[in-house]
PDB file of all heavy atoms in Angstrom:
ATOM      1  N   VAL A   1     185.971 118.473  92.205  1.00  0.00           N
ATOM      2  CA  VAL A   1     186.807 119.656  92.406  1.00  0.00           C
ATOM      3  C   VAL A   1     186.089 120.643  93.321  1.00  0.00           C
ATOM      4  O   VAL A   1     186.699 121.227  94.224  1.00  0.00           O
ATOM      5  CB  VAL A   1     187.190 120.313  91.059  1.00  0.00           C
ATOM      6  CG1 VAL A   1     187.931 121.618  91.282  1.00  0.00           C
ATOM      7  CG2 VAL A   1     188.031 119.346  90.225  1.00  0.00           C
ATOM      8  N   ALA A   2     184.791 120.820  93.131  1.00  0.00           N
ATOM      9  CA  ALA A   2     184.027 121.706  94.012  1.00  0.00           C
ATOM     10  C   ALA A   2     184.045 121.185  95.446  1.00  0.00           C
ATOM     11  O   ALA A   2     184.168 121.963  96.393  1.00  0.00           O
ATOM     12  CB  ALA A   2     182.591 121.841  93.520  1.00  0.00           C
ATOM     13  N   ARG A   3     183.951 119.880  95.613  1.00  0.00           N
ATOM     14  CA  ARG A   3     184.029 119.303  96.962  1.00  0.00           C
ATOM     15  C   ARG A   3     185.399 119.559  97.570  1.00  0.00           C
ATOM     16  O   ARG A   3     185.523 119.913  98.734  1.00  0.00           O
ATOM     17  CB  ARG A   3     183.737 117.810  96.971  1.00  0.00           C
ATOM     18  CG  ARG A   3     184.003 117.243  98.366  1.00  0.00           C
ATOM     19  CD  ARG A   3     183.544 115.879  98.658  1.00  0.00           C
ATOM     20  NE  ARG A   3     182.160 115.586  98.571  1.00  0.00           N
ATOM     21  CZ  ARG A   3     181.219 115.969  99.447  1.00  0.00           C
ATOM     22  NH1 ARG A   3     181.534 116.727 100.461  1.00  0.00           N
ATOM     23  NH2 ARG A   3     179.983 115.603  99.310  1.00  0.00           N
ATOM     24  N   GLU A   4     186.462 119.386  96.783  1.00  0.00           N
ATOM     25  CA  GLU A   4     187.816 119.625  97.276  1.00  0.00           C
ATOM     26  C   GLU A   4     187.980 121.084  97.720  1.00  0.00           C
ATOM     27  O   GLU A   4     188.555 121.361  98.773  1.00  0.00           O
ATOM     28  CB  GLU A   4     188.829 119.294  96.182  1.00  0.00           C
ATOM     29  CG  GLU A   4     190.255 119.419  96.622  1.00  0.00           C
ATOM     30  CD  GLU A   4     191.225 118.983  95.552  1.00  0.00           C
ATOM     31  OE1 GLU A   4     190.845 118.278  94.604  1.00  0.00           O
ATOM     32  OE2 GLU A   4     192.388 119.363  95.673  1.00  0.00           O
ATOM     33  N   VAL A   5     187.451 122.005  96.932  1.00  0.00           N
ATOM     34  CA  VAL A   5     187.523 123.420  97.293  1.00  0.00           C
ATOM     35  C   VAL A   5     186.762 123.678  98.588  1.00  0.00           C
ATOM     36  O   VAL A   5     187.238 124.393  99.475  1.00  0.00           O
ATOM     37  CB  VAL A   5     186.986 124.303  96.142  1.00  0.00           C
ATOM     38  CG1 VAL A   5     186.763 125.729  96.592  1.00  0.00           C
ATOM     39  CG2 VAL A   5     187.939 124.263  94.964  1.00  0.00           C
ATOM     40  N   ALA A   6     185.582 123.097  98.719  1.00  0.00           N
ATOM     41  CA  ALA A   6     184.792 123.280  99.942  1.00  0.00           C
ATOM     42  C   ALA A   6     185.496 122.691 101.158  1.00  0.00           C
ATOM     43  O   ALA A   6     185.497 123.292 102.229  1.00  0.00           O
ATOM     44  CB  ALA A   6     183.408 122.646  99.776  1.00  0.00           C
ATOM     45  N   ASP A   7     186.114 121.526 100.990  1.00  0.00           N
ATOM     46  CA  ASP A   7     186.746 120.833 102.117  1.00  0.00           C
ATOM     47  C   ASP A   7     188.106 121.403 102.499  1.00  0.00           C
ATOM     48  O   ASP A   7     188.476 121.376 103.668  1.00  0.00           O
ATOM     49  CB  ASP A   7     186.911 119.346 101.803  1.00  0.00           C
ATOM     50  CG  ASP A   7     185.586 118.598 101.736  1.00  0.00           C
ATOM     51  OD1 ASP A   7     184.564 119.149 102.195  1.00  0.00           O
ATOM     52  OD2 ASP A   7     185.587 117.468 101.218  1.00  0.00           O
ATOM     53  N   TRP A   8     188.866 121.913 101.521  1.00  0.00           N
ATOM     54  CA  TRP A   8     190.256 122.288 101.769  1.00  0.00           C
ATOM     55  C   TRP A   8     190.586 123.740 101.438  1.00  0.00           C
ATOM     56  O   TRP A   8     191.727 124.158 101.563  1.00  0.00           O
ATOM     57  CB  TRP A   8     191.194 121.353 101.011  1.00  0.00           C
ATOM     58  CG  TRP A   8     191.084 119.967 101.528  1.00  0.00           C
ATOM     59  CD1 TRP A   8     190.367 118.947 100.983  1.00  0.00           C
ATOM     60  CD2 TRP A   8     191.665 119.441 102.713  1.00  0.00           C
ATOM     61  NE1 TRP A   8     190.486 117.818 101.763  1.00  0.00           N
ATOM     62  CE2 TRP A   8     191.276 118.104 102.827  1.00  0.00           C
ATOM     63  CE3 TRP A   8     192.492 119.990 103.691  1.00  0.00           C
ATOM     64  CZ2 TRP A   8     191.680 117.289 103.885  1.00  0.00           C
ATOM     65  CZ3 TRP A   8     192.892 119.181 104.750  1.00  0.00           C
ATOM     66  CH2 TRP A   8     192.493 117.842 104.833  1.00  0.00           C
ATOM     67  N   GLY A   9     189.603 124.516 101.020  1.00  0.00           N
ATOM     68  CA  GLY A   9     189.870 125.894 100.652  1.00  0.00           C
ATOM     69  C   GLY A   9     189.400 126.889 101.690  1.00  0.00           C
ATOM     70  O   GLY A   9     188.431 126.650 102.409  1.00  0.00           O
ATOM     71  N   PHE A  10     190.104 128.011 101.764  1.00  0.00           N
ATOM     72  CA  PHE A  10     189.684 129.114 102.621  1.00  0.00           C
ATOM     73  C   PHE A  10     190.314 130.402 102.105  1.00  0.00           C
ATOM     74  O   PHE A  10     191.191 130.385 101.242  1.00  0.00           O
ATOM     75  CB  PHE A  10     190.054 128.865 104.096  1.00  0.00           C
ATOM     76  CG  PHE A  10     191.527 128.818 104.379  1.00  0.00           C
ATOM     77  CD1 PHE A  10     192.206 129.937 104.844  1.00  0.00           C
ATOM     78  CD2 PHE A  10     192.248 127.647 104.194  1.00  0.00           C
ATOM     79  CE1 PHE A  10     193.565 129.884 105.114  1.00  0.00           C
ATOM     80  CE2 PHE A  10     193.608 127.591 104.468  1.00  0.00           C
ATOM     81  CZ  PHE A  10     194.269 128.713 104.925  1.00  0.00           C
ATOM     82  N   TYR A  11     189.809 131.494 102.580  1.00  0.00           N
ATOM     83  CA  TYR A  11     190.352 132.804 102.242  1.00  0.00           C
ATOM     84  C   TYR A  11     191.071 133.380 103.451  1.00  0.00           C
ATOM     85  O   TYR A  11     190.698 133.102 104.588  1.00  0.00           O
ATOM     86  CB  TYR A  11     189.235 133.809 101.916  1.00  0.00           C
ATOM     87  CG  TYR A  11     188.425 133.529 100.688  1.00  0.00           C
ATOM     88  CD1 TYR A  11     187.107 133.079 100.781  1.00  0.00           C
ATOM     89  CD2 TYR A  11     188.952 133.776  99.422  1.00  0.00           C
ATOM     90  CE1 TYR A  11     186.342 132.869  99.655  1.00  0.00           C
ATOM     91  CE2 TYR A  11     188.186 133.566  98.287  1.00  0.00           C
ATOM     92  CZ  TYR A  11     186.890 133.109  98.411  1.00  0.00           C
ATOM     93  OH  TYR A  11     186.125 132.899  97.286  1.00  0.00           O
ATOM     94  N   ILE A  12     192.078 134.215 103.199  1.00  0.00           N
ATOM     95  CA  ILE A  12     192.585 135.104 104.237  1.00  0.00           C
ATOM     96  C   ILE A  12     192.226 136.516 103.793  1.00  0.00           C
ATOM     97  O   ILE A  12     192.154 136.806 102.597  1.00  0.00           O
ATOM     98  CB  ILE A  12     194.096 134.951 104.502  1.00  0.00           C
ATOM     99  CG1 ILE A  12     194.927 135.234 103.263  1.00  0.00           C
ATOM    100  CG2 ILE A  12     194.409 133.578 105.067  1.00  0.00           C
ATOM    101  CD1 ILE A  12     196.424 135.288 103.526  1.00  0.00           C
ATOM    102  N   GLY A  13     191.982 137.374 104.758  1.00  0.00           N
ATOM    103  CA  GLY A  13     191.612 138.743 104.453  1.00  0.00           C
ATOM    104  C   GLY A  13     192.785 139.544 103.923  1.00  0.00           C
ATOM    105  O   GLY A  13     193.939 139.292 104.259  1.00  0.00           O
ATOM    106  N   CYS A  14     192.478 140.475 103.048  1.00  0.00           N
ATOM    107  CA  CYS A  14     193.483 141.408 102.548  1.00  0.00           C
ATOM    108  C   CYS A  14     192.772 142.702 102.151  1.00  0.00           C
ATOM    109  O   CYS A  14     191.545 142.726 102.033  1.00  0.00           O
ATOM    110  CB  CYS A  14     194.281 140.829 101.387  1.00  0.00           C
ATOM    111  SG  CYS A  14     193.334 140.479  99.916  1.00  0.00           S
ATOM    112  N   HIS A  15     193.528 143.758 101.978  1.00  0.00           N
ATOM    113  CA  HIS A  15     192.959 145.041 101.573  1.00  0.00           C
ATOM    114  C   HIS A  15     194.064 145.904 100.988  1.00  0.00           C
ATOM    115  O   HIS A  15     195.252 145.635 101.204  1.00  0.00           O
ATOM    116  CB  HIS A  15     192.262 145.737 102.746  1.00  0.00           C
ATOM    117  CG  HIS A  15     193.151 145.993 103.912  1.00  0.00           C
ATOM    118  ND1 HIS A  15     193.986 147.080 103.993  1.00  0.00           N
ATOM    119  CD2 HIS A  15     193.361 145.270 105.044  1.00  0.00           C
ATOM    120  CE1 HIS A  15     194.655 147.031 105.130  1.00  0.00           C
ATOM    121  NE2 HIS A  15     194.301 145.945 105.785  1.00  0.00           N
ATOM    122  N   PRO A  16     193.697 146.927 100.225  1.00  0.00           N
ATOM    123  CA  PRO A  16     194.708 147.750  99.565  1.00  0.00           C
ATOM    124  C   PRO A  16     195.648 148.471 100.525  1.00  0.00           C
ATOM    125  O   PRO A  16     196.743 148.856 100.127  1.00  0.00           O
ATOM    126  CB  PRO A  16     193.892 148.773  98.771  1.00  0.00           C
ATOM    127  CG  PRO A  16     192.553 148.180  98.627  1.00  0.00           C
ATOM    128  CD  PRO A  16     192.345 147.296  99.822  1.00  0.00           C
ATOM    129  N   GLY A  17     195.262 148.626 101.774  1.00  0.00           N
ATOM    130  CA  GLY A  17     196.105 149.330 102.731  1.00  0.00           C
ATOM    131  C   GLY A  17     197.128 148.456 103.435  1.00  0.00           C
ATOM    132  O   GLY A  17     197.857 148.928 104.304  1.00  0.00           O
ATOM    133  N   MET A  18     197.192 147.183 103.060  1.00  0.00           N
ATOM    134  CA  MET A  18     198.166 146.299 103.712  1.00  0.00           C
ATOM    135  C   MET A  18     199.584 146.744 103.372  1.00  0.00           C
ATOM    136  O   MET A  18     199.866 147.166 102.254  1.00  0.00           O
ATOM    137  CB  MET A  18     197.948 144.851 103.276  1.00  0.00           C
ATOM    138  CG  MET A  18     196.675 144.257 103.832  1.00  0.00           C
ATOM    139  SD  MET A  18     196.434 142.548 103.308  1.00  0.00           S
ATOM    140  CE  MET A  18     197.627 141.728 104.357  1.00  0.00           C
ATOM    141  N   THR A  19     200.447 146.618 104.346  1.00  0.00           N
ATOM    142  CA  THR A  19     201.850 147.000 104.168  1.00  0.00           C
ATOM    143  C   THR A  19     202.709 145.758 103.936  1.00  0.00           C
ATOM    144  O   THR A  19     202.259 144.625 104.159  1.00  0.00           O
ATOM    145  CB  THR A  19     202.363 147.720 105.422  1.00  0.00           C
ATOM    146  OG1 THR A  19     202.353 146.778 106.518  1.00  0.00           O
ATOM    147  CG2 THR A  19     201.507 148.937 105.771  1.00  0.00           C
ATOM    148  N   LEU A  20     203.936 145.973 103.535  1.00  0.00           N
ATOM    149  CA  LEU A  20     204.866 144.860 103.403  1.00  0.00           C
ATOM    150  C   LEU A  20     205.090 144.190 104.751  1.00  0.00           C
ATOM    151  O   LEU A  20     205.262 142.971 104.829  1.00  0.00           O
ATOM    152  CB  LEU A  20     206.186 145.329 102.815  1.00  0.00           C
ATOM    153  CG  LEU A  20     206.143 145.682 101.322  1.00  0.00           C
ATOM    154  CD1 LEU A  20     207.506 146.199 100.855  1.00  0.00           C
ATOM    155  CD2 LEU A  20     205.715 144.498 100.483  1.00  0.00           C
ATOM    156  N   SER A  21     205.041 144.957 105.809  1.00  0.00           N
ATOM    157  CA  SER A  21     205.166 144.401 107.156  1.00  0.00           C
ATOM    158  C   SER A  21     204.000 143.448 107.456  1.00  0.00           C
ATOM    159  O   SER A  21     204.199 142.395 108.057  1.00  0.00           O
ATOM    160  CB  SER A  21     205.224 145.533 108.173  1.00  0.00           C
ATOM    161  OG  SER A  21     205.283 145.019 109.477  1.00  0.00           O
ATOM    162  N   ASP A  22     202.786 143.833 107.044  1.00  0.00           N
ATOM    163  CA  ASP A  22     201.618 142.958 107.212  1.00  0.00           C
ATOM    164  C   ASP A  22     201.831 141.646 106.461  1.00  0.00           C
ATOM    165  O   ASP A  22     201.558 140.562 106.995  1.00  0.00           O
ATOM    166  CB  ASP A  22     200.347 143.621 106.690  1.00  0.00           C
ATOM    167  CG  ASP A  22     199.939 144.854 107.467  1.00  0.00           C
ATOM    168  OD1 ASP A  22     200.231 144.930 108.674  1.00  0.00           O
ATOM    169  OD2 ASP A  22     199.318 145.745 106.849  1.00  0.00           O
ATOM    170  N   LEU A  23     202.296 141.739 105.224  1.00  0.00           N
ATOM    171  CA  LEU A  23     202.524 140.542 104.414  1.00  0.00           C
ATOM    172  C   LEU A  23     203.628 139.677 105.012  1.00  0.00           C
ATOM    173  O   LEU A  23     203.520 138.443 105.020  1.00  0.00           O
ATOM    174  CB  LEU A  23     202.872 140.930 102.980  1.00  0.00           C
ATOM    175  CG  LEU A  23     201.770 141.667 102.216  1.00  0.00           C
ATOM    176  CD1 LEU A  23     202.282 142.102 100.851  1.00  0.00           C
ATOM    177  CD2 LEU A  23     200.518 140.836 102.094  1.00  0.00           C
ATOM    178  N   ASP A  24     204.674 140.298 105.524  1.00  0.00           N
ATOM    179  CA  ASP A  24     205.747 139.545 106.185  1.00  0.00           C
ATOM    180  C   ASP A  24     205.208 138.797 107.402  1.00  0.00           C
ATOM    181  O   ASP A  24     205.582 137.645 107.650  1.00  0.00           O
ATOM    182  CB  ASP A  24     206.882 140.471 106.611  1.00  0.00           C
ATOM    183  CG  ASP A  24     207.702 140.980 105.436  1.00  0.00           C
ATOM    184  OD1 ASP A  24     207.632 140.391 104.335  1.00  0.00           O
ATOM    185  OD2 ASP A  24     208.422 141.985 105.628  1.00  0.00           O
ATOM    186  N   TYR A  25     204.331 139.445 108.161  1.00  0.00           N
ATOM    187  CA  TYR A  25     203.734 138.817 109.346  1.00  0.00           C
ATOM    188  C   TYR A  25     202.916 137.586 108.939  1.00  0.00           C
ATOM    189  O   TYR A  25     203.050 136.509 109.527  1.00  0.00           O
ATOM    190  CB  TYR A  25     202.859 139.823 110.090  1.00  0.00           C
ATOM    191  CG  TYR A  25     202.143 139.220 111.268  1.00  0.00           C
ATOM    192  CD1 TYR A  25     202.810 138.999 112.468  1.00  0.00           C
ATOM    193  CD2 TYR A  25     200.798 138.857 111.179  1.00  0.00           C
ATOM    194  CE1 TYR A  25     202.160 138.425 113.550  1.00  0.00           C
ATOM    195  CE2 TYR A  25     200.134 138.292 112.254  1.00  0.00           C
ATOM    196  CZ  TYR A  25     200.813 138.071 113.438  1.00  0.00           C
ATOM    197  OH  TYR A  25     200.171 137.500 114.499  1.00  0.00           O
ATOM    198  N   ILE A  26     202.082 137.743 107.924  1.00  0.00           N
ATOM    199  CA  ILE A  26     201.242 136.631 107.465  1.00  0.00           C
ATOM    200  C   ILE A  26     202.117 135.481 106.978  1.00  0.00           C
ATOM    201  O   ILE A  26     201.900 134.316 107.334  1.00  0.00           O
ATOM    202  CB  ILE A  26     200.267 137.103 106.368  1.00  0.00           C
ATOM    203  CG1 ILE A  26     199.242 138.063 106.959  1.00  0.00           C
ATOM    204  CG2 ILE A  26     199.575 135.915 105.695  1.00  0.00           C
ATOM    205  CD1 ILE A  26     198.415 138.818 105.933  1.00  0.00           C
ATOM    206  N   THR A  27     203.119 135.797 106.182  1.00  0.00           N
ATOM    207  CA  THR A  27     204.040 134.774 105.677  1.00  0.00           C
ATOM    208  C   THR A  27     204.743 134.060 106.828  1.00  0.00           C
ATOM    209  O   THR A  27     204.862 132.829 106.826  1.00  0.00           O
ATOM    210  CB  THR A  27     205.078 135.415 104.739  1.00  0.00           C
ATOM    211  OG1 THR A  27     204.387 136.063 103.672  1.00  0.00           O
ATOM    212  CG2 THR A  27     206.031 134.386 104.173  1.00  0.00           C
TER     213      THR A  27
END
């Protein structure tokens, strides 16, 4: 499972100031 996370996992950045428009763009 740790290998799977390392091979196929990543983060996207986020912060409390994100707007719904930002989330719509990412989606």
